[in-house]
Amino acid sequence: MEYTTLGSTGMQVSRLCLGCMSFGSSDWREWVLEDEESKEIIDRALDLGINFFDTANMYSRGESERILGEALEGHREESVVATKGFFRMRDDDPNSGGLSRKAIEQELAASRERLGMDTIDLYQPHRWDHKTPIETTLRALDDAVRRGHVRYIGASSMWAHQLADALHTSDSLGLERFQTMQNHYNLVYREEEREMLPLCQKEDIGVVPWSPMARGYLTRPNEEIDATTRGETEEHMYDHPYREGGGREINDRVADLADDKHATMAQIALSWLLHKDWVDAPIVGTTSVEHLEQAVEALEIELSESDLEYLEEPYEPVPVSGHS
């Protein structure tokens, strides 16, 4: 395993972050794994040297956090655990979502309890809250750091001008800054390269992209996408413009390069991200130990400048996606 410094936090994290959206309950989404299978993957991740784990309160309505917390028992000190809050957790409680002080304090307390952690390493608003002033949100997050409930705060899926506003507000008021950006970024969705990624690079903000393999779109040829349970049932895969802007041609080129390098398509897509200087640790979600091991092997794949150009050349602008 390779390690890197996460933004300006000083924390050393594995170059791959294990995303825990696929751990919890199949009642939430059909492709999600239950306790035993989830913990098997987390255990293997630890064996492989992965020390960075990302979850969220809304994943399986808290079950992902609980499973991760139990699986990390005895390994919490050496692990870097990130979670998120924003989406409503209870249909009958409007204050169980959003980024008001009340929502942050009560949902952070619930996340800490499920994870079994006094202090969460990285706490991230899952989306931008248009109903709550950013100053209010940042003051609540700053208080969480000062209380020792959170070590660092990060952001996720917003416009560059919103991140810039948040950083300016923190600097002006002497509050904790967002130290990381968890954004939507992969070979078939590169709109973040226009403003967000240069801003993160300028401000030394750690970048931990979600959906590095485009929700599975970059893991198999176009004609095979619907051959998996997730491909058949995951409507969110089709919410994003992966098939637009040259996406189909990029999918074909990933397949070609994978054949040339005796690698999987997923490994090529992941290696492309790992070759980007502004990326710290892509968030890799998986439902099998085999795919996790293959993801780790992607760290050893070398892509030349001509390889990178070949993969990137068909890309055309697509609608911004993932900020909702």
Protein backbone atom coordinates (compact mmCIF):
# COMPACT_ATOMS: atom_id res chain seq x y z
CA MET A 1 0.00 0.00 0.00
CA GLU A 2 1.07 3.57 -0.68
CA TYR A 3 0.24 6.46 1.64
CA THR A 4 -0.11 10.19 1.19
CA THR A 5 -0.75 13.26 3.32
CA LEU A 6 -4.42 14.20 3.20
CA GLY A 7 -4.48 17.84 2.15
CA SER A 8 -3.03 19.98 4.93
CA THR A 9 -4.31 17.81 7.78
CA GLY A 10 -0.98 16.06 8.31
CA MET A 11 -2.83 12.72 8.47
CA GLN A 12 -1.32 9.89 6.46
CA VAL A 13 -3.94 7.99 4.52
CA SER A 14 -3.81 5.08 2.11
CA ARG A 15 -3.95 6.04 -1.58
CA LEU A 16 -7.26 4.19 -1.69
CA CYS A 17 -10.18 4.98 0.59
CA LEU A 18 -12.68 2.19 1.15
CA GLY A 19 -16.16 3.54 0.54
CA CYS A 20 -18.77 1.93 2.75
CA MET A 21 -21.98 2.69 0.86
CA SER A 22 -22.26 -0.99 -0.10
CA PHE A 23 -22.28 -2.14 3.54
CA GLY A 24 -25.49 -2.22 5.55
CA SER A 25 -28.80 -3.67 4.48
CA SER A 26 -30.19 -4.93 1.18
CA ASP A 27 -33.54 -3.51 2.31
CA TRP A 28 -32.04 -0.09 1.54
CA ARG A 29 -30.70 -0.97 -1.92
CA GLU A 30 -30.69 -4.45 -3.43
CA TRP A 31 -26.93 -4.66 -4.07
CA VAL A 32 -25.92 -3.71 -0.50
CA LEU A 33 -24.18 -6.38 1.59
CA GLU A 34 -25.26 -7.48 5.07
CA ASP A 35 -23.07 -7.65 8.20
CA GLU A 36 -20.91 -10.74 7.64
CA GLU A 37 -19.98 -10.05 4.00
CA SER A 38 -19.36 -6.38 4.76
CA LYS A 39 -17.01 -7.12 7.63
CA GLU A 40 -15.10 -9.64 5.51
CA ILE A 41 -14.29 -6.88 3.01
CA ILE A 42 -13.32 -4.40 5.74
CA ASP A 43 -11.06 -7.00 7.37
CA ARG A 44 -9.35 -7.65 4.04
CA ALA A 45 -8.93 -3.92 3.46
CA LEU A 46 -7.09 -3.66 6.77
CA ASP A 47 -4.88 -6.61 5.80
CA LEU A 48 -4.03 -4.85 2.52
CA GLY A 49 -2.93 -1.71 4.35
CA ILE A 50 -5.99 0.46 3.72
CA ASN A 51 -6.41 2.78 6.69
CA PHE A 52 -8.94 5.27 5.24
CA PHE A 53 -12.67 4.54 5.39
CA ASP A 54 -15.57 6.72 4.26
CA THR A 55 -19.21 6.25 5.20
CA ALA A 56 -22.30 8.40 5.82
CA ASN A 57 -25.23 8.40 8.18
CA MET A 58 -27.69 7.93 5.32
CA TYR A 59 -26.05 4.74 4.01
CA SER A 60 -28.56 2.04 4.94
CA ARG A 61 -29.99 4.53 7.46
CA GLY A 62 -27.03 4.24 9.80
CA GLU A 63 -26.29 0.53 9.37
CA SER A 64 -23.12 1.23 7.37
CA GLU A 65 -21.70 3.29 10.24
CA ARG A 66 -22.59 0.60 12.77
CA ILE A 67 -20.97 -2.17 10.70
CA LEU A 68 -17.83 -0.12 10.07
CA GLY A 69 -17.51 0.73 13.75
CA GLU A 70 -17.80 -2.91 14.78
CA ALA A 71 -15.38 -4.07 12.08
CA LEU A 72 -12.74 -1.53 13.16
CA GLU A 73 -12.83 -2.55 16.82
CA GLY A 74 -9.19 -2.93 17.81
CA HIS A 75 -8.05 -0.91 14.79
CA ARG A 76 -9.56 2.50 15.47
CA GLU A 77 -6.33 4.21 16.47
CA GLU A 78 -4.54 3.43 13.21
CA SER A 79 -7.63 4.05 11.06
CA VAL A 80 -8.83 7.33 9.57
CA VAL A 81 -12.62 7.33 9.58
CA ALA A 82 -14.73 9.80 7.64
CA THR A 83 -18.50 10.13 7.71
CA LYS A 84 -21.07 12.56 6.40
CA GLY A 85 -24.40 14.12 7.28
CA PHE A 86 -27.05 16.14 5.46
CA PHE A 87 -29.82 13.93 4.07
CA ARG A 88 -32.91 13.47 6.22
CA MET A 89 -32.60 10.38 8.40
CA ARG A 90 -36.21 10.12 9.57
CA ASP A 91 -39.18 10.92 7.38
CA ASP A 92 -41.18 12.27 10.30
CA ASP A 93 -38.39 14.57 11.57
CA PRO A 94 -37.46 17.48 9.27
CA ASN A 95 -34.61 18.40 11.62
CA SER A 96 -32.92 15.04 11.05
CA GLY A 97 -31.48 16.48 7.83
CA GLY A 98 -29.84 19.67 6.63
CA LEU A 99 -26.93 21.57 8.15
CA SER A 100 -28.55 23.61 10.90
CA ARG A 101 -26.84 23.56 14.29
CA LYS A 102 -29.58 21.27 15.62
CA ALA A 103 -29.24 18.82 12.72
CA ILE A 104 -25.44 18.74 12.89
CA GLU A 105 -25.29 18.25 16.65
CA GLN A 106 -27.91 15.54 16.90
CA GLU A 107 -26.87 13.62 13.79
CA LEU A 108 -23.17 13.85 14.63
CA ALA A 109 -23.94 12.43 18.08
CA ALA A 110 -25.84 9.56 16.46
CA SER A 111 -22.97 8.88 14.03
CA ARG A 112 -20.42 8.83 16.85
CA GLU A 113 -22.56 6.35 18.77
CA ARG A 114 -23.03 4.03 15.80
CA LEU A 115 -19.32 4.16 14.94
CA GLY A 116 -18.35 3.67 18.57
CA MET A 117 -15.95 6.60 18.34
CA ASP A 118 -15.51 9.51 20.73
CA THR A 119 -13.85 11.49 17.92
CA ILE A 120 -14.50 11.13 14.21
CA ASP A 121 -11.42 11.91 12.13
CA LEU A 122 -13.21 13.67 9.27
CA TYR A 123 -16.80 14.94 9.27
CA GLN A 124 -18.28 16.17 6.01
CA PRO A 125 -21.52 17.90 5.03
CA HIS A 126 -22.84 15.53 2.36
CA ARG A 127 -24.30 18.36 0.26
CA TRP A 128 -24.68 22.14 0.38
CA ASP A 129 -27.63 23.35 2.47
CA HIS A 130 -29.31 26.22 0.65
CA LYS A 131 -31.62 26.85 3.62
CA THR A 132 -28.91 27.41 6.24
CA PRO A 133 -26.32 30.22 6.12
CA ILE A 134 -22.82 28.81 5.68
CA GLU A 135 -21.70 30.81 8.72
CA THR A 136 -24.20 28.90 10.90
CA THR A 137 -23.01 25.56 9.57
CA LEU A 138 -19.34 26.41 9.99
CA ARG A 139 -19.82 27.66 13.55
CA ALA A 140 -21.52 24.38 14.48
CA LEU A 141 -18.75 22.36 12.83
CA ASP A 142 -16.08 24.50 14.51
CA ASP A 143 -17.70 23.83 17.88
CA ALA A 144 -17.66 20.10 17.13
CA VAL A 145 -13.90 20.28 16.57
CA ARG A 146 -13.37 22.30 19.75
CA ARG A 147 -15.39 19.79 21.76
CA GLY A 148 -13.20 16.97 20.47
CA HIS A 149 -16.05 15.27 18.63
CA VAL A 150 -14.41 15.82 15.24
CA ARG A 151 -10.76 16.26 14.23
CA TYR A 152 -11.19 17.80 10.79
CA ILE A 153 -14.06 18.92 8.59
CA GLY A 154 -14.42 18.39 4.87
CA ALA A 155 -16.81 19.31 2.09
CA SER A 156 -18.58 17.33 -0.61
CA SER A 157 -20.23 17.93 -3.96
CA MET A 158 -20.68 21.67 -4.31
CA TRP A 159 -19.86 24.47 -6.74
CA ALA A 160 -16.38 25.99 -6.59
CA HIS A 161 -17.85 29.39 -5.69
CA GLN A 162 -19.58 27.78 -2.69
CA LEU A 163 -16.35 26.23 -1.45
CA ALA A 164 -14.58 29.57 -1.96
CA ASP A 165 -17.34 31.30 0.05
CA ALA A 166 -17.01 28.74 2.84
CA LEU A 167 -13.21 29.13 3.00
CA HIS A 168 -13.51 32.92 3.04
CA THR A 169 -16.10 32.73 5.83
CA SER A 170 -13.87 30.45 7.91
CA ASP A 171 -10.86 32.71 7.43
CA SER A 172 -12.83 35.86 8.24
CA LEU A 173 -14.37 34.46 11.43
CA GLY A 174 -11.44 32.35 12.62
CA LEU A 175 -13.33 29.09 12.20
CA GLU A 176 -12.16 25.63 11.14
CA ARG A 177 -11.72 25.33 7.38
CA PHE A 178 -12.85 22.57 5.10
CA GLN A 179 -9.73 20.44 4.70
CA THR A 180 -10.98 18.02 2.07
CA MET A 181 -13.28 17.87 -0.93
CA GLN A 182 -15.21 14.71 -1.73
CA ASN A 183 -16.35 15.36 -5.27
CA HIS A 184 -17.66 13.59 -8.35
CA TYR A 185 -14.71 12.85 -10.62
CA ASN A 186 -13.80 10.07 -13.03
CA LEU A 187 -12.76 9.47 -16.64
CA VAL A 188 -16.27 10.07 -17.99
CA TYR A 189 -17.10 12.98 -15.66
CA ARG A 190 -14.35 15.61 -15.59
CA GLU A 191 -16.25 18.86 -15.12
CA GLU A 192 -14.48 19.33 -11.78
CA GLU A 193 -11.26 20.09 -13.65
CA ARG A 194 -12.58 23.51 -14.67
CA GLU A 195 -12.75 25.24 -11.28
CA MET A 196 -13.06 22.92 -8.28
CA LEU A 197 -9.84 20.95 -8.63
CA PRO A 198 -7.63 23.99 -9.34
CA LEU A 199 -9.17 25.68 -6.29
CA CYS A 200 -8.45 22.64 -4.12
CA GLN A 201 -4.88 22.52 -5.38
CA LYS A 202 -4.39 26.22 -4.64
CA GLU A 203 -5.81 25.92 -1.11
CA ASP A 204 -4.06 22.59 -0.31
CA ILE A 205 -7.38 20.82 0.13
CA GLY A 206 -7.30 17.04 -0.01
CA VAL A 207 -9.30 15.53 -2.86
CA VAL A 208 -11.12 12.23 -2.31
CA PRO A 209 -13.27 11.63 -5.40
CA TRP A 210 -16.41 9.57 -5.22
CA SER A 211 -17.59 7.27 -8.01
CA PRO A 212 -14.08 6.80 -9.46
CA MET A 213 -15.42 4.04 -11.70
CA ALA A 214 -18.61 5.90 -12.64
CA ARG A 215 -20.92 3.68 -10.59
CA GLY A 216 -19.62 0.64 -12.46
CA TYR A 217 -19.84 2.15 -15.94
CA LEU A 218 -16.05 1.98 -16.34
CA THR A 219 -15.75 -1.59 -15.05
CA ARG A 220 -17.17 -3.43 -18.08
CA PRO A 221 -17.90 -2.81 -21.76
CA ASN A 222 -20.97 -0.81 -22.72
CA GLU A 223 -22.99 -3.85 -23.75
CA GLU A 224 -22.41 -5.63 -20.41
CA ILE A 225 -23.39 -2.80 -18.02
CA ASP A 226 -26.81 -4.22 -17.17
CA ALA A 227 -25.46 -7.71 -16.47
CA THR A 228 -25.03 -7.06 -12.72
CA THR A 229 -27.56 -6.63 -9.92
CA ARG A 230 -26.46 -3.03 -9.51
CA GLY A 231 -26.64 -2.37 -13.24
CA GLU A 232 -30.19 -3.76 -13.34
CA THR A 233 -31.49 -2.02 -10.23
CA GLU A 234 -29.38 1.11 -9.61
CA GLU A 235 -31.32 3.97 -11.14
CA HIS A 236 -28.72 6.46 -9.89
CA MET A 237 -26.19 5.15 -12.44
CA TYR A 238 -28.37 6.61 -15.14
CA ASP A 239 -28.81 9.95 -13.38
CA HIS A 240 -25.29 10.92 -14.43
CA PRO A 241 -24.19 11.75 -18.00
CA TYR A 242 -21.62 8.98 -18.28
CA ARG A 243 -22.76 7.91 -21.74
CA GLU A 244 -22.66 11.48 -23.05
CA GLY A 245 -19.69 13.66 -24.05
CA GLY A 246 -17.62 10.85 -25.50
CA GLY A 247 -18.40 8.48 -22.65
CA ARG A 248 -19.07 5.47 -24.86
CA GLU A 249 -15.81 5.97 -26.75
CA ILE A 250 -13.90 6.36 -23.47
CA ASN A 251 -15.47 3.12 -22.23
CA ASP A 252 -14.20 1.39 -25.40
CA ARG A 253 -10.71 2.84 -24.94
CA VAL A 254 -10.56 1.75 -21.29
CA ALA A 255 -11.42 -1.77 -22.46
CA ASP A 256 -8.72 -1.65 -25.16
CA LEU A 257 -6.02 -0.42 -22.78
CA ALA A 258 -7.04 -2.99 -20.19
CA ASP A 259 -6.48 -5.73 -22.77
CA ASP A 260 -3.09 -4.29 -23.68
CA LYS A 261 -1.93 -4.14 -20.07
CA HIS A 262 -3.53 -7.42 -18.97
CA ALA A 263 -5.57 -5.48 -16.43
CA THR A 264 -9.25 -5.02 -15.69
CA MET A 265 -11.17 -1.99 -16.90
CA ALA A 266 -11.69 -0.96 -13.28
CA GLN A 267 -7.94 -0.98 -12.70
CA ILE A 268 -7.32 1.26 -15.70
CA ALA A 269 -10.02 3.74 -14.63
CA LEU A 270 -8.64 3.80 -11.10
CA SER A 271 -5.04 4.11 -12.24
CA TRP A 272 -5.99 7.14 -14.34
CA LEU A 273 -7.21 8.91 -11.19
CA LEU A 274 -4.13 7.88 -9.23
CA HIS A 275 -1.98 9.55 -11.89
CA LYS A 276 -3.68 12.92 -11.23
CA ASP A 277 -1.58 15.11 -8.91
CA TRP A 278 -4.62 16.78 -7.36
CA VAL A 279 -6.17 13.47 -6.26
CA ASP A 280 -5.21 12.16 -2.82
CA ALA A 281 -7.31 9.02 -2.43
CA PRO A 282 -10.19 7.86 -4.63
CA ILE A 283 -13.11 6.35 -2.72
CA VAL A 284 -13.50 2.77 -3.90
CA GLY A 285 -16.74 0.95 -3.19
CA THR A 286 -16.92 -2.80 -3.66
CA THR A 287 -19.10 -5.80 -2.94
CA SER A 288 -16.36 -8.44 -3.22
CA VAL A 289 -12.94 -9.14 -1.75
CA GLU A 290 -11.69 -9.98 -5.24
CA HIS A 291 -12.58 -6.55 -6.60
CA LEU A 292 -10.98 -4.91 -3.56
CA GLU A 293 -7.74 -6.80 -4.17
CA GLN A 294 -7.83 -5.80 -7.84
CA ALA A 295 -8.28 -2.16 -6.84
CA VAL A 296 -5.15 -2.33 -4.68
CA GLU A 297 -3.24 -3.87 -7.59
CA ALA A 298 -4.15 -0.79 -9.65
CA LEU A 299 -1.54 1.11 -7.63
CA GLU A 300 1.14 -0.81 -9.55
CA ILE A 301 -0.16 0.06 -13.02
CA GLU A 302 1.89 2.64 -14.89
CA LEU A 303 0.18 4.79 -17.50
CA SER A 304 2.35 6.74 -19.93
CA GLU A 305 1.56 10.25 -21.13
CA SER A 306 0.32 8.74 -24.39
CA ASP A 307 -1.91 6.32 -22.42
CA LEU A 308 -3.43 9.22 -20.51
CA GLU A 309 -3.97 11.21 -23.68
CA TYR A 310 -5.58 8.20 -25.37
CA LEU A 311 -8.06 7.80 -22.49
CA GLU A 312 -8.85 11.50 -22.21
CA GLU A 313 -9.05 12.55 -25.87
CA PRO A 314 -12.73 11.67 -26.57
CA TYR A 315 -14.05 13.63 -23.57
CA GLU A 316 -16.48 16.47 -24.25
CA PRO A 317 -18.25 18.72 -21.75
CA VAL A 318 -21.34 17.26 -20.08
CA PRO A 319 -23.96 18.74 -17.73
CA VAL A 320 -22.81 19.23 -14.14
CA SER A 321 -24.00 16.28 -12.07
CA GLY A 322 -23.80 15.27 -8.43
CA HIS A 323 -24.49 18.54 -6.61
CA SER A 324 -28.12 17.84 -5.72
